[in-house]
Amino acid sequence: QVHLVESGGGLVQAGGSLRLSCAASGSTFSSRAMGWFRQAPGKDREFVAAIHWNNARTYYADSVKGRFTISRDNAKNTVDLQMNSLKPEDTAVYYCAASKLYTIVVGSTTSYDYWGQGTQVTVSS
């Protein structure tokens, strides 16, 4: 079992920055890809960013590429999402997720077995 806890959400003005953090329990962290997804009211949960379990390659949705950076620390069992140049359309609940063991697909919700409770990010105009 993997338990994930997000932190760092809040209210920020457009153009500002936030750093989200996710702490994971368990001993299998290094064998799982880690992802960030977000969900706005009335919309489907969408992929934001992911980092691979093996070689730490990163992947980003086109909407956030160049603005967001995902990173992980396997020694600490944490994954972060640095969000810069925030826009009102980034407003959503952001979820940290841990993939199935040794997954090779990182951009779909179906690849993830464990989810955090979510943290609200609100960007005002």
C-alpha atoms as a PDB file:
ATOM      1  CA  GLN A   1       0.000   0.000   0.000  1.00  0.00           C
ATOM      2  CA  VAL A   2       1.172   3.503  -0.873  1.00  0.00           C
ATOM      3  CA  HIS A   3      -0.102   6.574   0.929  1.00  0.00           C
ATOM      4  CA  LEU A   4       0.408   9.971  -0.713  1.00  0.00           C
ATOM      5  CA  VAL A   5       0.036  13.386   0.900  1.00  0.00           C
ATOM      6  CA  GLU A   6       0.198  16.618  -1.109  1.00  0.00           C
ATOM      7  CA  SER A   7       0.994  20.049   0.251  1.00  0.00           C
ATOM      8  CA  GLY A   8       1.804  23.516  -1.026  1.00  0.00           C
ATOM      9  CA  GLY A   9      -1.415  24.571  -2.701  1.00  0.00           C
ATOM     10  CA  GLY A  10      -2.925  27.983  -2.190  1.00  0.00           C
ATOM     11  CA  LEU A  11      -4.006  31.248  -3.745  1.00  0.00           C
ATOM     12  CA  VAL A  12      -1.640  33.125  -6.028  1.00  0.00           C
ATOM     13  CA  GLN A  13      -1.857  36.011  -8.479  1.00  0.00           C
ATOM     14  CA  ALA A  14      -1.461  35.366 -12.190  1.00  0.00           C
ATOM     15  CA  GLY A  15       2.207  35.277 -13.085  1.00  0.00           C
ATOM     16  CA  GLY A  16       3.190  33.996  -9.669  1.00  0.00           C
ATOM     17  CA  SER A  17       4.670  30.696  -8.550  1.00  0.00           C
ATOM     18  CA  LEU A  18       3.843  27.793  -6.268  1.00  0.00           C
ATOM     19  CA  ARG A  19       5.709  24.633  -5.350  1.00  0.00           C
ATOM     20  CA  LEU A  20       3.679  21.513  -4.643  1.00  0.00           C
ATOM     21  CA  SER A  21       5.156  18.628  -2.685  1.00  0.00           C
ATOM     22  CA  CYS A  22       4.063  15.022  -2.325  1.00  0.00           C
ATOM     23  CA  ALA A  23       5.285  12.650   0.367  1.00  0.00           C
ATOM     24  CA  ALA A  24       4.908   8.898  -0.197  1.00  0.00           C
ATOM     25  CA  SER A  25       4.923   6.003   2.211  1.00  0.00           C
ATOM     26  CA  GLY A  26       6.152   2.475   1.513  1.00  0.00           C
ATOM     27  CA  SER A  27       9.264   0.804   0.135  1.00  0.00           C
ATOM     28  CA  THR A  28       8.360   0.657  -3.575  1.00  0.00           C
ATOM     29  CA  PHE A  29       8.636   4.363  -4.395  1.00  0.00           C
ATOM     30  CA  SER A  30      11.722   3.993  -6.591  1.00  0.00           C
ATOM     31  CA  SER A  31       9.951   1.385  -8.756  1.00  0.00           C
ATOM     32  CA  ARG A  32       6.999   3.619  -9.596  1.00  0.00           C
ATOM     33  CA  ALA A  33       6.602   6.510 -11.942  1.00  0.00           C
ATOM     34  CA  MET A  34       5.194   9.543 -10.183  1.00  0.00           C
ATOM     35  CA  GLY A  35       2.716  11.907 -11.734  1.00  0.00           C
ATOM     36  CA  TRP A  36       0.795  15.087 -11.161  1.00  0.00           C
ATOM     37  CA  PHE A  37      -2.748  15.453 -12.445  1.00  0.00           C
ATOM     38  CA  ARG A  38      -5.299  18.210 -12.025  1.00  0.00           C
ATOM     39  CA  GLN A  39      -9.052  18.508 -12.124  1.00  0.00           C
ATOM     40  CA  ALA A  40     -11.091  21.673 -12.485  1.00  0.00           C
ATOM     41  CA  PRO A  41     -14.805  21.783 -11.584  1.00  0.00           C
ATOM     42  CA  GLY A  42     -16.912  20.068 -14.233  1.00  0.00           C
ATOM     43  CA  LYS A  43     -13.895  18.776 -16.134  1.00  0.00           C
ATOM     44  CA  ASP A  44     -12.089  15.453 -16.418  1.00  0.00           C
ATOM     45  CA  ARG A  45      -8.901  14.831 -14.546  1.00  0.00           C
ATOM     46  CA  GLU A  46      -6.014  15.717 -16.843  1.00  0.00           C
ATOM     47  CA  PHE A  47      -2.355  14.844 -17.004  1.00  0.00           C
ATOM     48  CA  VAL A  48       0.064  17.570 -15.969  1.00  0.00           C
ATOM     49  CA  ALA A  49       3.513  16.043 -15.516  1.00  0.00           C
ATOM     50  CA  ALA A  50       5.262  12.760 -14.736  1.00  0.00           C
ATOM     51  CA  ILE A  51       8.714  11.452 -13.928  1.00  0.00           C
ATOM     52  CA  HIS A  52       9.836   7.936 -14.783  1.00  0.00           C
ATOM     53  CA  TRP A  53      10.804   5.327 -12.195  1.00  0.00           C
ATOM     54  CA  ASN A  54      13.908   4.132 -14.022  1.00  0.00           C
ATOM     55  CA  ASN A  55      15.824   6.971 -15.636  1.00  0.00           C
ATOM     56  CA  ALA A  56      13.998  10.032 -14.240  1.00  0.00           C
ATOM     57  CA  ARG A  57      12.871  11.192 -17.672  1.00  0.00           C
ATOM     58  CA  THR A  58      10.195  13.843 -17.386  1.00  0.00           C
ATOM     59  CA  TYR A  59       7.001  14.345 -19.348  1.00  0.00           C
ATOM     60  CA  TYR A  60       4.697  17.358 -19.517  1.00  0.00           C
ATOM     61  CA  ALA A  61       1.349  18.316 -20.910  1.00  0.00           C
ATOM     62  CA  ASP A  62       1.664  20.873 -23.695  1.00  0.00           C
ATOM     63  CA  SER A  63      -0.307  23.363 -21.624  1.00  0.00           C
ATOM     64  CA  VAL A  64       2.349  23.494 -18.891  1.00  0.00           C
ATOM     65  CA  LYS A  65       5.569  22.750 -20.768  1.00  0.00           C
ATOM     66  CA  GLY A  66       8.147  25.430 -20.095  1.00  0.00           C
ATOM     67  CA  ARG A  67       6.340  26.642 -16.975  1.00  0.00           C
ATOM     68  CA  PHE A  68       6.179  23.590 -14.687  1.00  0.00           C
ATOM     69  CA  THR A  69       9.000  21.321 -13.526  1.00  0.00           C
ATOM     70  CA  ILE A  70       8.601  17.916 -11.886  1.00  0.00           C
ATOM     71  CA  SER A  71      11.335  16.370  -9.750  1.00  0.00           C
ATOM     72  CA  ARG A  72      11.732  13.435  -7.390  1.00  0.00           C
ATOM     73  CA  ASP A  73      13.977  12.437  -4.513  1.00  0.00           C
ATOM     74  CA  ASN A  74      13.987   8.669  -4.055  1.00  0.00           C
ATOM     75  CA  ALA A  75      15.953   8.928  -0.819  1.00  0.00           C
ATOM     76  CA  LYS A  76      13.176  11.037   0.702  1.00  0.00           C
ATOM     77  CA  ASN A  77      10.219   9.423  -1.102  1.00  0.00           C
ATOM     78  CA  THR A  78       9.060  12.798  -2.369  1.00  0.00           C
ATOM     79  CA  VAL A  79       8.026  14.328  -5.659  1.00  0.00           C
ATOM     80  CA  ASP A  80       7.630  18.053  -6.276  1.00  0.00           C
ATOM     81  CA  LEU A  81       5.982  20.217  -8.897  1.00  0.00           C
ATOM     82  CA  GLN A  82       7.409  23.691  -9.351  1.00  0.00           C
ATOM     83  CA  MET A  83       4.819  25.885 -11.055  1.00  0.00           C
ATOM     84  CA  ASN A  84       5.895  29.214 -12.526  1.00  0.00           C
ATOM     85  CA  SER A  85       4.108  31.844 -14.604  1.00  0.00           C
ATOM     86  CA  LEU A  86       0.769  30.625 -13.329  1.00  0.00           C
ATOM     87  CA  LYS A  87      -2.374  31.438 -15.269  1.00  0.00           C
ATOM     88  CA  PRO A  88      -6.023  31.517 -14.169  1.00  0.00           C
ATOM     89  CA  GLU A  89      -6.637  28.420 -16.300  1.00  0.00           C
ATOM     90  CA  ASP A  90      -4.222  26.517 -14.040  1.00  0.00           C
ATOM     91  CA  THR A  91      -6.814  26.733 -11.259  1.00  0.00           C
ATOM     92  CA  ALA A  92      -7.704  23.194 -10.195  1.00  0.00           C
ATOM     93  CA  VAL A  93      -7.270  20.560  -7.543  1.00  0.00           C
ATOM     94  CA  TYR A  94      -3.848  19.007  -8.072  1.00  0.00           C
ATOM     95  CA  TYR A  95      -3.305  15.326  -7.328  1.00  0.00           C
ATOM     96  CA  CYS A  96      -0.113  13.401  -6.783  1.00  0.00           C
ATOM     97  CA  ALA A  97      -0.183   9.823  -8.089  1.00  0.00           C
ATOM     98  CA  ALA A  98       2.001   6.711  -7.910  1.00  0.00           C
ATOM     99  CA  SER A  99       1.990   4.369 -10.883  1.00  0.00           C
ATOM    100  CA  LYS A 100       1.710   0.629 -11.111  1.00  0.00           C
ATOM    101  CA  LEU A 101       5.059  -1.074 -10.539  1.00  0.00           C
ATOM    102  CA  TYR A 102       7.494  -0.653 -13.439  1.00  0.00           C
ATOM    103  CA  THR A 103       4.950   1.048 -15.658  1.00  0.00           C
ATOM    104  CA  ILE A 104       6.036   2.242 -19.100  1.00  0.00           C
ATOM    105  CA  VAL A 105       3.025   4.493 -19.713  1.00  0.00           C
ATOM    106  CA  VAL A 106       2.995   7.655 -17.621  1.00  0.00           C
ATOM    107  CA  GLY A 107       0.481  10.031 -19.230  1.00  0.00           C
ATOM    108  CA  SER A 108      -2.768   8.234 -18.452  1.00  0.00           C
ATOM    109  CA  THR A 109      -4.718   7.934 -15.209  1.00  0.00           C
ATOM    110  CA  THR A 110      -5.055   4.195 -15.882  1.00  0.00           C
ATOM    111  CA  SER A 111      -1.335   3.710 -15.185  1.00  0.00           C
ATOM    112  CA  TYR A 112      -1.651   4.883 -11.586  1.00  0.00           C
ATOM    113  CA  ASP A 113      -2.783   2.831  -8.607  1.00  0.00           C
ATOM    114  CA  TYR A 114      -2.463   5.342  -5.775  1.00  0.00           C
ATOM    115  CA  TRP A 115      -3.664   8.912  -5.416  1.00  0.00           C
ATOM    116  CA  GLY A 116      -3.288  11.661  -2.871  1.00  0.00           C
ATOM    117  CA  GLN A 117      -6.184  13.632  -1.450  1.00  0.00           C
ATOM    118  CA  GLY A 118      -5.496  16.639  -3.657  1.00  0.00           C
ATOM    119  CA  THR A 119      -4.484  20.217  -2.956  1.00  0.00           C
ATOM    120  CA  GLN A 120      -6.298  23.294  -4.256  1.00  0.00           C
ATOM    121  CA  VAL A 121      -4.454  25.738  -6.489  1.00  0.00           C
ATOM    122  CA  THR A 122      -6.273  28.968  -7.264  1.00  0.00           C
ATOM    123  CA  VAL A 123      -4.796  31.560  -9.624  1.00  0.00           C
ATOM    124  CA  SER A 124      -6.512  34.934  -9.588  1.00  0.00           C
ATOM    125  CA  SER A 125      -6.571  37.314 -12.532  1.00  0.00           C
END
